[in-house]
């Protein structure tokens, strides 16, 4: 089997089409051997980061045979790593339909779904991959991650404990369990487990990277020299090395060595394989603004479901959405469900609920002009059914998927009575926090400061549009205001939700619920001011960001 060295996904098992070749006619055997050599050449290009050369080989194979599953899987996995997630998903899905019991293809399909925040779909295919090949370490690790993101920590625990039992030399099980402990705020236990994994695999960067995320560093840790060695430009390691670089940046940031921290953050972002297509994002924002006008909502003022059970928190990542949800969900009438993928799924399915029309677009949001009243009702009730999985008894359930700022128009159409909270943060602090955080390929727009600044300005353009067409529907909460006056702003938010005050909202950091986002360390602490105007520590490095943001602050 030819495998990728990356732990997140694997290249296809090229042994499948070669099976039984001794009994094949010579011409057929020669053709298959030629195909295998060609695909392995493409794999070699991937390992050397020669993306265009690899892509050309796989496309060449598919030109000759459009249904060659190995080439579909390879090209799809490649496109997904380059940020073309939907294109990659389509290709790997086709491969899985052609070879439905290939665990490597199923693993890659599930992992691509995970990148798209479609945890349930990911779990379906990853479970099949593990069932077919219980010794498939990468699939078991990916399944644990998918369970975790789907809010199923018990199932994730089973995956990680199995990895530790059967593969104690691999760091995945220890790091996975440590993340679950981290989610629950058990930082000491998480650190102990990570160190145990590091003893088993002392040269694997994943353990070092995980260690950096569970504690603050006032001085250089004893592992620092080894971490820098593993992160040297001569070393390879894909996603693992990228995580290590981000962790080194964090350590030096903790110690106040901001120049060295920025050096590592820059290298980490440069190591992101996916290309962020900001132009595509801007075009999408243009379409949203063109569709969701004041006239659009006026013509559909009697659409939607009367329920006000969902509470939506939107904004950029790292803008304070997790802090807001933690405060709000500490209220006894509110359940915090975290970042839910349901709304994006409804947007993608919405064309199925539109009236037939010759000019109907197959894509959201252009299709919304022909969305029927009954279709809106059905989508709304589908969402309400989905959130029952998270709580059946709470009066309200929060959904804090930050990028739902793109779906505010859909939210307002489906639920004219729900509350929408916009978490906003100083643009420079917000962008710097995104830049210094290791995210998946969905956030490839952040890999350089200029693209990140452009992305932010168009996010703000869209939020300004929502304020114009939905006046009074959205409460803007500034992160800096919460830091300056926690009780006053918390009371204002609870008042906006039309709920009685609860003192539990002031001790949000004592809540026992799991927190899965990058802010999980911060929301386990009382509010502190260290993140306000953090950008000034890096001011001399931020000119591309300042230029891209212009007057937006």
Protein backbone atom coordinates (compact mmCIF):
# COMPACT_ATOMS: atom_id res chain seq x y z
CA UNK A 1 0.00 0.00 0.00
CA UNK A 2 1.19 3.49 -0.85
CA UNK A 3 0.40 5.84 2.00
CA UNK A 4 0.63 9.51 2.78
CA UNK A 5 2.90 10.44 5.65
CA UNK A 6 0.22 12.78 6.94
CA UNK A 7 -1.86 11.40 9.78
CA UNK A 8 -5.10 13.14 8.82
CA UNK A 9 -5.74 11.34 5.54
CA UNK A 10 -4.19 8.67 3.39
CA UNK A 11 -3.56 8.18 -0.28
CA UNK A 12 -5.30 5.22 -1.91
CA UNK A 13 -4.34 1.61 -1.54
CA UNK A 14 -2.97 0.99 -4.99
CA UNK A 15 -2.80 -2.72 -4.22
CA UNK A 16 -6.52 -3.07 -4.97
CA UNK A 17 -6.38 -2.89 -8.79
CA UNK A 18 -3.22 -4.97 -8.79
CA UNK A 19 -4.70 -7.90 -6.95
CA UNK A 20 -4.40 -11.24 -8.76
CA UNK A 21 -2.25 -9.77 -11.51
CA UNK A 22 -0.29 -12.99 -11.93
CA UNK A 23 -3.39 -14.58 -13.39
CA UNK A 24 -4.13 -11.62 -15.67
CA UNK A 25 -3.48 -11.56 -19.40
CA UNK A 26 -0.10 -9.94 -20.09
CA UNK A 27 -1.59 -6.89 -21.81
CA UNK A 28 -3.99 -6.18 -18.92
CA UNK A 29 -1.21 -6.67 -16.36
CA UNK A 30 1.02 -4.27 -18.29
CA UNK A 31 -1.72 -1.61 -18.38
CA UNK A 32 -2.32 -1.87 -14.63
CA UNK A 33 1.37 -1.74 -13.83
CA UNK A 34 1.68 1.36 -16.02
CA UNK A 35 -1.25 2.96 -14.18
CA UNK A 36 0.26 2.17 -10.78
CA UNK A 37 3.61 3.65 -11.79
CA UNK A 38 1.89 6.78 -13.06
CA UNK A 39 -0.16 7.28 -9.91
CA UNK A 40 2.85 6.65 -7.69
CA UNK A 41 4.70 9.30 -9.68
CA UNK A 42 1.87 11.70 -8.86
CA UNK A 43 2.12 10.74 -5.18
CA UNK A 44 5.81 11.54 -5.33
CA UNK A 45 4.99 14.99 -6.67
CA UNK A 46 2.58 15.53 -3.75
CA UNK A 47 5.27 14.62 -1.24
CA UNK A 48 7.61 17.10 -2.91
CA UNK A 49 4.86 19.76 -2.81
CA UNK A 50 4.72 19.81 -6.62
CA UNK A 51 0.98 20.34 -6.74
CA UNK A 52 0.58 21.30 -10.40
CA UNK A 53 2.61 18.33 -11.59
CA UNK A 54 0.60 15.90 -9.46
CA UNK A 55 -2.68 17.43 -10.56
CA UNK A 56 -1.69 17.11 -14.22
CA UNK A 57 -0.94 13.38 -13.82
CA UNK A 58 -4.23 12.59 -12.06
CA UNK A 59 -6.26 14.62 -14.54
CA UNK A 60 -4.46 12.87 -17.37
CA UNK A 61 -5.51 9.48 -16.00
CA UNK A 62 -9.10 10.67 -15.64
CA UNK A 63 -9.13 11.98 -19.19
CA UNK A 64 -8.44 8.43 -20.34
CA UNK A 65 -10.70 6.82 -17.74
CA UNK A 66 -13.11 9.24 -15.96
CA UNK A 67 -14.10 6.55 -13.44
CA UNK A 68 -10.65 5.44 -12.27
CA UNK A 69 -11.21 5.42 -8.47
CA UNK A 70 -7.58 5.79 -7.40
CA UNK A 71 -7.11 8.89 -9.57
CA UNK A 72 -10.44 10.33 -8.37
CA UNK A 73 -9.42 9.78 -4.76
CA UNK A 74 -5.94 11.21 -5.24
CA UNK A 75 -7.10 14.27 -7.13
CA UNK A 76 -9.96 14.86 -4.69
CA UNK A 77 -7.67 14.61 -1.66
CA UNK A 78 -5.20 16.93 -3.36
CA UNK A 79 -7.88 19.53 -4.18
CA UNK A 80 -9.20 19.39 -0.61
CA UNK A 81 -5.72 20.09 0.79
CA UNK A 82 -5.51 23.09 -1.56
CA UNK A 83 -8.70 24.59 -0.13
CA UNK A 84 -11.04 23.42 -2.91
CA UNK A 85 -13.09 21.44 -0.43
CA UNK A 86 -16.32 21.05 -2.40
CA UNK A 87 -14.46 20.02 -5.55
CA UNK A 88 -12.36 17.59 -3.55
CA UNK A 89 -15.44 16.19 -1.83
CA UNK A 90 -17.17 15.52 -5.16
CA UNK A 91 -14.16 13.66 -6.54
CA UNK A 92 -13.55 11.50 -3.45
CA UNK A 93 -17.29 10.80 -3.20
CA UNK A 94 -17.25 9.47 -6.77
CA UNK A 95 -14.29 7.28 -5.85
CA UNK A 96 -16.22 5.91 -2.85
CA UNK A 97 -19.24 5.11 -4.99
CA UNK A 98 -17.01 3.16 -7.38
CA UNK A 99 -15.11 1.38 -4.61
CA UNK A 100 -17.46 1.48 -1.58
CA UNK A 101 -15.41 -0.87 0.60
CA UNK A 102 -12.01 0.75 0.24
CA UNK A 103 -11.23 1.98 3.77
CA UNK A 104 -8.62 4.48 2.56
CA UNK A 105 -11.08 6.18 0.23
CA UNK A 106 -13.77 6.12 2.93
CA UNK A 107 -11.30 7.69 5.39
CA UNK A 108 -10.43 10.47 2.94
CA UNK A 109 -14.11 11.12 2.25
CA UNK A 110 -14.91 11.30 5.95
CA UNK A 111 -11.95 13.56 6.63
CA UNK A 112 -13.02 15.93 3.85
CA UNK A 113 -16.51 16.11 5.35
CA UNK A 114 -14.88 16.98 8.69
CA UNK A 115 -13.03 19.87 7.04
CA UNK A 116 -16.41 21.15 5.87
CA UNK A 117 -17.73 20.96 9.47
CA UNK A 118 -20.13 18.18 8.43
CA UNK A 119 -19.44 15.93 11.37
CA UNK A 120 -22.40 13.59 10.91
CA UNK A 121 -21.50 12.81 7.31
CA UNK A 122 -17.86 12.40 8.34
CA UNK A 123 -18.79 9.92 11.06
CA UNK A 124 -20.85 7.80 8.64
CA UNK A 125 -17.89 7.15 6.33
CA UNK A 126 -15.20 7.02 9.00
CA UNK A 127 -17.16 4.38 10.93
CA UNK A 128 -17.30 2.28 7.77
CA UNK A 129 -13.55 2.68 7.23
CA UNK A 130 -12.79 1.53 10.78
CA UNK A 131 -15.31 -1.33 10.62
CA UNK A 132 -13.66 -2.64 7.43
CA UNK A 133 -10.14 -2.20 8.80
CA UNK A 134 -10.07 -1.93 12.62
CA UNK A 135 -6.27 -1.49 12.51
CA UNK A 136 -6.51 1.64 10.34
CA UNK A 137 -4.89 4.11 12.76
CA UNK A 138 -5.53 7.27 10.74
CA UNK A 139 -9.23 6.47 10.27
CA UNK A 140 -9.68 5.71 13.97
CA UNK A 141 -7.97 8.98 14.90
CA UNK A 142 -10.10 10.92 12.40
CA UNK A 143 -13.23 9.22 13.74
CA UNK A 144 -12.35 10.30 17.26
CA UNK A 145 -11.94 13.88 16.05
CA UNK A 146 -15.29 13.75 14.23
CA UNK A 147 -17.04 12.39 17.31
CA UNK A 148 -15.50 15.18 19.37
CA UNK A 149 -16.66 17.91 16.99
CA UNK A 150 -20.13 16.34 16.89
CA UNK A 151 -20.40 16.65 20.67
CA UNK A 152 -19.99 12.92 21.33
CA UNK A 153 -17.03 12.83 23.75
CA UNK A 154 -17.85 9.35 25.07
CA UNK A 155 -17.58 7.86 21.59
CA UNK A 156 -14.39 9.85 20.94
CA UNK A 157 -12.94 8.46 24.16
CA UNK A 158 -13.50 4.89 22.93
CA UNK A 159 -11.57 5.66 19.74
CA UNK A 160 -8.64 7.23 21.54
CA UNK A 161 -8.46 4.55 24.22
CA UNK A 162 -8.39 1.93 21.47
CA UNK A 163 -5.50 3.76 19.83
CA UNK A 164 -3.57 3.83 23.11
CA UNK A 165 -4.25 0.14 23.77
CA UNK A 166 -3.31 -1.14 20.32
CA UNK A 167 -0.84 1.51 19.16
CA UNK A 168 0.82 2.92 22.31
CA UNK A 169 3.79 4.10 20.24
CA UNK A 170 1.60 6.53 18.28
CA UNK A 171 0.74 9.94 19.85
CA UNK A 172 -2.79 10.22 18.40
CA UNK A 173 -4.61 8.50 21.23
CA UNK A 174 -2.87 10.47 23.98
CA UNK A 175 -3.31 13.80 22.19
CA UNK A 176 -6.96 13.03 21.41
CA UNK A 177 -7.81 12.16 25.00
CA UNK A 178 -5.88 15.21 26.19
CA UNK A 179 -8.01 17.42 23.94
CA UNK A 180 -11.16 15.97 25.46
CA UNK A 181 -9.81 16.79 28.93
CA UNK A 182 -8.85 20.26 27.69
CA UNK A 183 -12.42 20.75 26.43
CA UNK A 184 -13.63 20.11 29.96
CA UNK A 185 -11.10 22.51 31.48
CA UNK A 186 -8.99 19.71 33.03
CA UNK A 187 -5.67 21.20 31.98
CA UNK A 188 -3.43 19.45 34.49
CA UNK A 189 -4.78 16.01 33.55
CA UNK A 190 -4.44 16.92 29.87
CA UNK A 191 -0.78 17.89 30.32
CA UNK A 192 -0.01 14.65 32.17
CA UNK A 193 -1.53 12.59 29.37
CA UNK A 194 0.35 14.50 26.69
CA UNK A 195 3.66 13.96 28.49
CA UNK A 196 2.89 10.26 28.76
CA UNK A 197 2.40 10.16 24.99
CA UNK A 198 5.63 12.09 24.45
CA UNK A 199 7.53 9.44 26.43
CA UNK A 200 6.21 6.80 24.01
CA UNK A 201 6.98 8.86 20.90
CA UNK A 202 9.73 11.39 21.78
CA UNK A 203 10.37 12.52 18.19
CA UNK A 204 6.77 13.08 17.14
CA UNK A 205 5.83 16.76 16.90
CA UNK A 206 2.13 16.25 17.67
CA UNK A 207 2.76 15.80 21.39
CA UNK A 208 4.97 18.88 21.60
CA UNK A 209 2.36 20.92 19.74
CA UNK A 210 -0.44 19.73 22.03
CA UNK A 211 1.60 20.52 25.14
CA UNK A 212 1.94 24.15 24.11
CA UNK A 213 -1.85 24.55 24.00
CA UNK A 214 -2.63 23.44 27.56
CA UNK A 215 -0.46 25.84 29.54
CA UNK A 216 1.07 29.30 29.65
CA UNK A 217 4.84 29.68 29.53
CA UNK A 218 6.64 32.30 31.59
CA UNK A 219 10.01 30.83 30.67
CA UNK A 220 11.39 28.48 28.04
CA UNK A 221 10.18 24.91 28.59
CA UNK A 222 12.79 22.12 28.57
CA UNK A 223 11.23 20.79 25.35
CA UNK A 224 11.79 24.01 23.41
CA UNK A 225 15.09 23.05 21.80
CA UNK A 226 13.65 19.76 20.55
CA UNK A 227 10.56 21.52 19.23
CA UNK A 228 12.67 23.98 17.24
CA UNK A 229 14.73 21.11 15.88
CA UNK A 230 11.61 19.26 14.71
CA UNK A 231 10.26 22.47 13.15
CA UNK A 232 13.43 23.25 11.22
CA UNK A 233 13.01 23.94 7.48
CA UNK A 234 14.88 20.71 6.72
CA UNK A 235 12.23 18.63 8.43
CA UNK A 236 9.04 17.46 6.72
CA UNK A 237 5.74 16.63 8.35
CA UNK A 238 2.79 18.38 6.73
CA UNK A 239 -0.02 19.23 9.15
CA UNK A 240 1.97 17.98 12.15
CA UNK A 241 4.83 20.38 11.40
CA UNK A 242 2.41 23.24 10.82
CA UNK A 243 0.88 22.64 14.26
CA UNK A 244 4.33 22.58 15.80
CA UNK A 245 5.19 25.95 14.21
CA UNK A 246 2.00 27.53 15.57
CA UNK A 247 2.79 26.12 19.00
CA UNK A 248 6.30 27.58 18.93
CA UNK A 249 4.76 30.93 18.06
CA UNK A 250 2.46 30.64 21.07
CA UNK A 251 5.30 29.74 23.43
CA UNK A 252 7.38 32.76 22.40
CA UNK A 253 4.26 34.95 22.58
CA UNK A 254 3.65 33.72 26.13
CA UNK A 255 7.25 34.62 27.02
CA UNK A 256 6.97 38.09 25.42
CA UNK A 257 9.45 37.45 22.59
CA UNK A 258 7.10 38.84 19.93
CA UNK A 259 9.59 39.05 17.07
CA UNK A 260 10.44 35.37 17.36
CA UNK A 261 6.77 34.52 17.88
CA UNK A 262 5.83 36.33 14.67
CA UNK A 263 8.62 34.51 12.85
CA UNK A 264 7.07 31.17 13.75
CA UNK A 265 3.51 32.31 13.09
CA UNK A 266 4.61 33.46 9.65
CA UNK A 267 6.27 30.14 8.89
CA UNK A 268 3.23 28.27 10.18
CA UNK A 269 0.84 30.15 7.90
CA UNK A 270 3.21 29.73 4.97
CA UNK A 271 3.03 25.97 5.60
CA UNK A 272 -0.74 25.96 5.05
CA UNK A 273 -1.20 23.95 1.87
CA UNK A 274 -4.64 25.27 0.93
CA UNK A 275 -4.98 28.48 -1.03
CA UNK A 276 -7.53 30.93 0.35
CA UNK A 277 -9.68 32.25 -2.49
CA UNK A 278 -10.69 35.65 -1.09
CA UNK A 279 -12.04 36.71 -4.49
CA UNK A 280 -14.55 33.86 -4.34
CA UNK A 281 -15.60 34.97 -0.86
CA UNK A 282 -16.08 38.56 -2.04
CA UNK A 283 -18.22 37.34 -4.95
CA UNK A 284 -20.32 35.31 -2.51
CA UNK A 285 -20.82 38.36 -0.30
CA UNK A 286 -21.89 40.34 -3.37
CA UNK A 287 -24.54 37.71 -4.14
CA UNK A 288 -25.83 37.70 -0.57
CA UNK A 289 -26.21 41.49 -0.60
CA UNK A 290 -27.92 41.40 -4.01
CA UNK A 291 -30.46 38.78 -2.86
CA UNK A 292 -31.31 39.77 0.71
CA UNK A 293 -32.62 43.31 0.23
CA UNK A 294 -35.17 45.31 2.16
CA UNK A 295 -37.68 44.49 -0.58
CA UNK A 296 -36.91 40.78 -0.25
CA UNK A 297 -37.84 40.76 3.44
CA UNK A 298 -40.83 43.07 2.97
CA UNK A 299 -42.31 40.70 0.39
CA UNK A 300 -41.85 37.77 2.78
CA UNK A 301 -42.83 39.35 6.07
CA UNK A 302 -45.28 36.53 6.85
CA UNK A 303 -42.75 33.75 6.12
CA UNK A 304 -41.02 31.59 8.67
CA UNK A 305 -41.60 29.81 11.96
CA UNK A 306 -42.74 31.64 15.10
CA UNK A 307 -40.35 29.77 17.40
CA UNK A 308 -37.73 31.84 19.19
CA UNK A 309 -35.92 28.87 20.74
CA UNK A 310 -32.62 29.27 18.82
CA UNK A 311 -30.23 32.06 19.80
CA UNK A 312 -27.63 32.80 17.12
CA UNK A 313 -24.19 34.24 17.91
CA UNK A 314 -22.27 35.31 14.80
CA UNK A 315 -19.02 37.10 14.03
CA UNK A 316 -15.50 36.41 12.92
CA UNK A 317 -13.60 33.56 14.57
CA UNK A 318 -11.68 34.75 17.65
CA UNK A 319 -14.04 37.72 18.07
CA UNK A 320 -15.46 36.61 21.43
CA UNK A 321 -18.26 34.30 20.27
CA UNK A 322 -17.16 31.54 22.65
CA UNK A 323 -16.99 33.93 25.60
CA UNK A 324 -20.46 35.25 24.78
CA UNK A 325 -21.92 31.78 24.52
CA UNK A 326 -20.29 30.73 27.78
CA UNK A 327 -21.82 33.75 29.55
CA UNK A 328 -25.25 33.26 27.97
CA UNK A 329 -25.39 29.48 28.41
CA UNK A 330 -24.63 29.85 32.13
CA UNK A 331 -28.22 31.12 32.39
CA UNK A 332 -30.43 28.28 33.69
CA UNK A 333 -32.89 28.61 30.79
CA UNK A 334 -30.25 28.37 28.03
CA UNK A 335 -28.29 25.44 26.67
CA UNK A 336 -25.05 26.16 24.82
CA UNK A 337 -24.80 23.86 21.80
CA UNK A 338 -21.58 25.31 20.38
CA UNK A 339 -20.79 25.61 16.68
CA UNK A 340 -23.56 23.84 14.79
CA UNK A 341 -23.37 22.90 11.12
CA UNK A 342 -27.13 22.69 10.57
CA UNK A 343 -27.69 26.13 9.05
CA UNK A 344 -25.07 25.66 6.35
CA UNK A 345 -26.64 22.31 5.48
CA UNK A 346 -30.04 23.96 5.16
CA UNK A 347 -28.59 26.64 2.89
CA UNK A 348 -27.16 23.93 0.63
CA UNK A 349 -30.45 22.00 0.63
CA UNK A 350 -32.62 25.07 0.15
CA UNK A 351 -32.86 24.65 -3.63
CA UNK A 352 -34.83 21.44 -2.99
CA UNK A 353 -37.58 23.55 -1.39
CA UNK A 354 -37.88 26.17 -4.11
CA UNK A 355 -40.72 26.52 -6.57
CA UNK A 356 -40.06 25.35 -10.12
CA UNK A 357 -38.99 28.17 -12.40
CA UNK A 358 -36.98 28.33 -15.65
CA UNK A 359 -34.46 30.75 -14.13
CA UNK A 360 -34.08 28.94 -10.79
CA UNK A 361 -30.42 28.90 -9.76
CA UNK A 362 -29.14 25.62 -8.28
CA UNK A 363 -27.00 27.49 -5.77
CA UNK A 364 -27.60 29.41 -2.55
CA UNK A 365 -28.26 32.32 -2.17
CA UNK A 366 -29.34 32.97 -5.77
CA UNK A 367 -32.12 30.39 -5.45
CA UNK A 368 -33.82 32.20 -2.56
CA UNK A 369 -35.99 34.32 -4.87
CA UNK A 370 -38.05 31.18 -5.55
CA UNK A 371 -38.12 29.77 -2.04
CA UNK A 372 -41.76 28.96 -1.27
CA UNK A 373 -43.46 29.86 1.98
CA UNK A 374 -43.97 26.18 2.79
CA UNK A 375 -40.33 25.54 1.91
CA UNK A 376 -39.22 28.13 4.46
CA UNK A 377 -41.47 26.55 7.08
CA UNK A 378 -40.08 23.08 6.41
CA UNK A 379 -36.47 24.26 6.64
CA UNK A 380 -37.16 26.08 9.90
CA UNK A 381 -38.77 23.02 11.46
CA UNK A 382 -35.89 20.87 10.26
CA UNK A 383 -33.49 23.15 12.14
CA UNK A 384 -35.63 23.01 15.30
CA UNK A 385 -35.63 19.23 15.10
CA UNK A 386 -31.86 19.17 14.73
CA UNK A 387 -31.19 21.25 17.83
CA UNK A 388 -33.36 18.92 19.92
CA UNK A 389 -30.42 16.53 19.75
CA UNK A 390 -28.54 18.92 21.99
CA UNK A 391 -31.28 19.67 24.48
CA UNK A 392 -34.93 18.69 24.78
CA UNK A 393 -35.77 20.62 27.93
CA UNK A 394 -33.92 23.98 27.78
CA UNK A 395 -36.08 26.94 26.79
CA UNK A 396 -33.37 28.24 24.46
CA UNK A 397 -30.40 26.77 22.59
CA UNK A 398 -27.43 28.79 21.34
CA UNK A 399 -25.74 28.25 17.99
CA UNK A 400 -22.43 30.06 17.86
CA UNK A 401 -21.09 29.06 14.45
CA UNK A 402 -19.16 32.29 13.75
CA UNK A 403 -19.41 32.16 9.96
CA UNK A 404 -23.19 32.23 10.20
CA UNK A 405 -22.66 35.96 9.68
CA UNK A 406 -23.08 34.92 6.05
CA UNK A 407 -26.43 33.28 6.89
CA UNK A 408 -28.12 36.08 8.84
CA UNK A 409 -30.54 36.62 5.94
CA UNK A 410 -31.55 32.97 6.03
CA UNK A 411 -31.89 33.10 9.83
CA UNK A 412 -34.17 36.14 9.61
CA UNK A 413 -36.29 34.45 6.95
CA UNK A 414 -36.66 31.16 8.81
CA UNK A 415 -37.10 32.63 12.29
CA UNK A 416 -38.47 36.20 12.33
CA UNK A 417 -38.63 36.13 16.15
CA UNK A 418 -35.21 34.80 17.13
CA UNK A 419 -32.44 36.82 18.72
CA UNK A 420 -29.20 37.36 16.80
CA UNK A 421 -26.06 38.58 18.56
CA UNK A 422 -23.07 39.91 16.63
CA UNK A 423 -19.79 39.51 18.48
CA UNK A 424 -17.39 42.19 17.29
CA UNK A 425 -13.78 42.82 18.22
CA UNK A 426 -11.16 45.41 17.33
CA UNK A 427 -10.20 44.55 13.75
CA UNK A 428 -6.45 44.42 14.40
CA UNK A 429 -6.76 42.29 17.53
CA UNK A 430 -9.29 40.02 15.82
CA UNK A 431 -7.18 39.51 12.70
CA UNK A 432 -3.98 38.97 14.67
CA UNK A 433 -5.70 36.37 16.82
CA UNK A 434 -6.89 34.53 13.71
CA UNK A 435 -3.44 34.74 12.10
CA UNK A 436 -1.74 33.24 15.16
CA UNK A 437 -4.20 30.36 15.51
CA UNK A 438 -3.98 26.98 13.77
CA UNK A 439 -7.25 26.44 11.92
CA UNK A 440 -8.24 23.91 9.28
CA UNK A 441 -8.21 24.52 5.53
CA UNK A 442 -11.60 26.25 5.59
CA UNK A 443 -9.75 29.26 7.00
CA UNK A 444 -7.02 29.41 4.36
CA UNK A 445 -7.92 33.08 3.80
CA UNK A 446 -5.73 33.78 6.85
CA UNK A 447 -2.46 32.47 5.47
CA UNK A 448 -1.24 35.98 4.66
CA UNK A 449 -2.09 39.26 6.37
CA UNK A 450 -3.27 41.04 3.25
CA UNK A 451 -5.84 38.38 2.37
CA UNK A 452 -6.97 38.23 5.98
CA UNK A 453 -7.51 42.00 6.05
CA UNK A 454 -9.48 41.90 2.80
CA UNK A 455 -11.64 39.08 4.14
CA UNK A 456 -12.34 41.07 7.30
CA UNK A 457 -13.37 44.22 5.43
CA UNK A 458 -15.97 42.29 3.43
CA UNK A 459 -17.25 40.57 6.55
CA UNK A 460 -17.85 44.04 7.96
CA UNK A 461 -19.45 45.14 4.69
CA UNK A 462 -21.94 42.32 5.03
CA UNK A 463 -22.65 43.07 8.70
CA UNK A 464 -23.32 46.71 7.78
CA UNK A 465 -25.75 45.43 5.15
CA UNK A 466 -27.62 43.32 7.71
CA UNK A 467 -27.97 46.35 9.98
CA UNK A 468 -29.50 48.26 7.07
CA UNK A 469 -32.01 45.66 5.86
CA UNK A 470 -32.81 44.18 9.29
CA UNK A 471 -32.88 47.25 11.56
CA UNK A 472 -33.14 46.42 15.25
CA UNK A 473 -32.85 42.66 14.72
CA UNK A 474 -29.18 42.26 15.68
CA UNK A 475 -27.49 43.13 18.97
CA UNK A 476 -23.85 44.11 18.49
CA UNK A 477 -21.64 43.24 21.46
CA UNK A 478 -18.05 44.43 21.47
CA UNK A 479 -15.52 42.14 23.07
CA UNK A 480 -13.68 45.12 24.59
CA UNK A 481 -16.90 46.29 26.29
CA UNK A 482 -17.37 42.90 27.97
CA UNK A 483 -13.79 43.02 29.23
CA UNK A 484 -14.25 46.56 30.56
CA UNK A 485 -17.65 45.97 32.18
CA UNK A 486 -18.48 42.28 32.40
CA UNK A 487 -21.57 42.59 34.56
CA UNK A 488 -23.01 45.61 32.76
CA UNK A 489 -22.66 44.09 29.28
CA UNK A 490 -23.78 40.66 30.46
CA UNK A 491 -26.93 42.18 31.92
CA UNK A 492 -27.56 44.05 28.67
CA UNK A 493 -27.28 40.81 26.68
CA UNK A 494 -29.63 38.91 29.00
CA UNK A 495 -32.04 41.84 28.87
CA UNK A 496 -31.95 41.74 25.06
CA UNK A 497 -32.91 38.06 25.29
CA UNK A 498 -35.94 39.06 27.40
CA UNK A 499 -34.84 36.86 30.28
CA UNK A 500 -34.54 37.52 34.02
CA UNK A 501 -31.01 38.09 35.28
CA UNK A 502 -29.02 35.19 36.75
CA UNK A 503 -25.82 35.69 38.76
CA UNK A 504 -24.51 32.45 37.24
CA UNK A 505 -23.74 34.44 34.10
CA UNK A 506 -20.93 36.18 36.02
CA UNK A 507 -19.20 32.89 36.90
CA UNK A 508 -19.33 31.40 33.40
CA UNK A 509 -15.81 30.01 33.80
CA UNK A 510 -17.06 27.53 36.40
CA UNK A 511 -19.47 25.88 33.95
CA UNK A 512 -18.87 22.17 33.38
CA UNK A 513 -19.86 22.02 29.71
CA UNK A 514 -17.26 21.11 27.13
CA UNK A 515 -15.81 23.89 24.97
CA UNK A 516 -14.39 22.76 21.62
CA UNK A 517 -13.12 26.00 20.12
CA UNK A 518 -9.68 27.61 20.13
CA UNK A 519 -10.81 29.83 23.02
CA UNK A 520 -11.39 26.96 25.42
CA UNK A 521 -8.47 27.95 27.68
CA UNK A 522 -9.60 31.58 27.97
CA UNK A 523 -13.22 30.81 28.84
CA UNK A 524 -12.09 28.65 31.76
CA UNK A 525 -10.62 31.80 33.38
CA UNK A 526 -12.26 34.93 34.78
CA UNK A 527 -12.28 37.74 32.21
CA UNK A 528 -8.88 39.37 31.82
CA UNK A 529 -7.65 42.28 29.72
CA UNK A 530 -4.52 40.70 28.24
CA UNK A 531 -6.06 40.22 24.79
CA UNK A 532 -7.14 43.85 24.37
CA UNK A 533 -4.77 45.80 22.07
CA UNK A 534 -2.52 42.77 21.81
CA UNK A 535 -1.81 43.84 18.23
CA UNK A 536 0.51 46.58 19.48
CA UNK A 537 3.05 43.89 20.42
CA UNK A 538 3.29 43.07 16.71
CA UNK A 539 2.66 46.50 15.20
CA UNK A 540 5.90 46.65 13.19
CA UNK A 541 4.99 43.41 11.43
CA UNK A 542 1.40 44.29 10.54
CA UNK A 543 1.69 46.81 7.69
CA UNK A 544 0.10 44.47 5.08
CA UNK A 545 -2.86 44.00 7.42
CA UNK A 546 -3.16 47.73 8.11
CA UNK A 547 -3.12 48.48 4.38
CA UNK A 548 -5.80 45.88 3.64
CA UNK A 549 -8.09 47.03 6.46
CA UNK A 550 -7.92 50.69 5.48
CA UNK A 551 -10.39 52.62 7.64
CA UNK A 552 -12.02 49.47 9.04
CA UNK A 553 -11.27 49.10 12.73
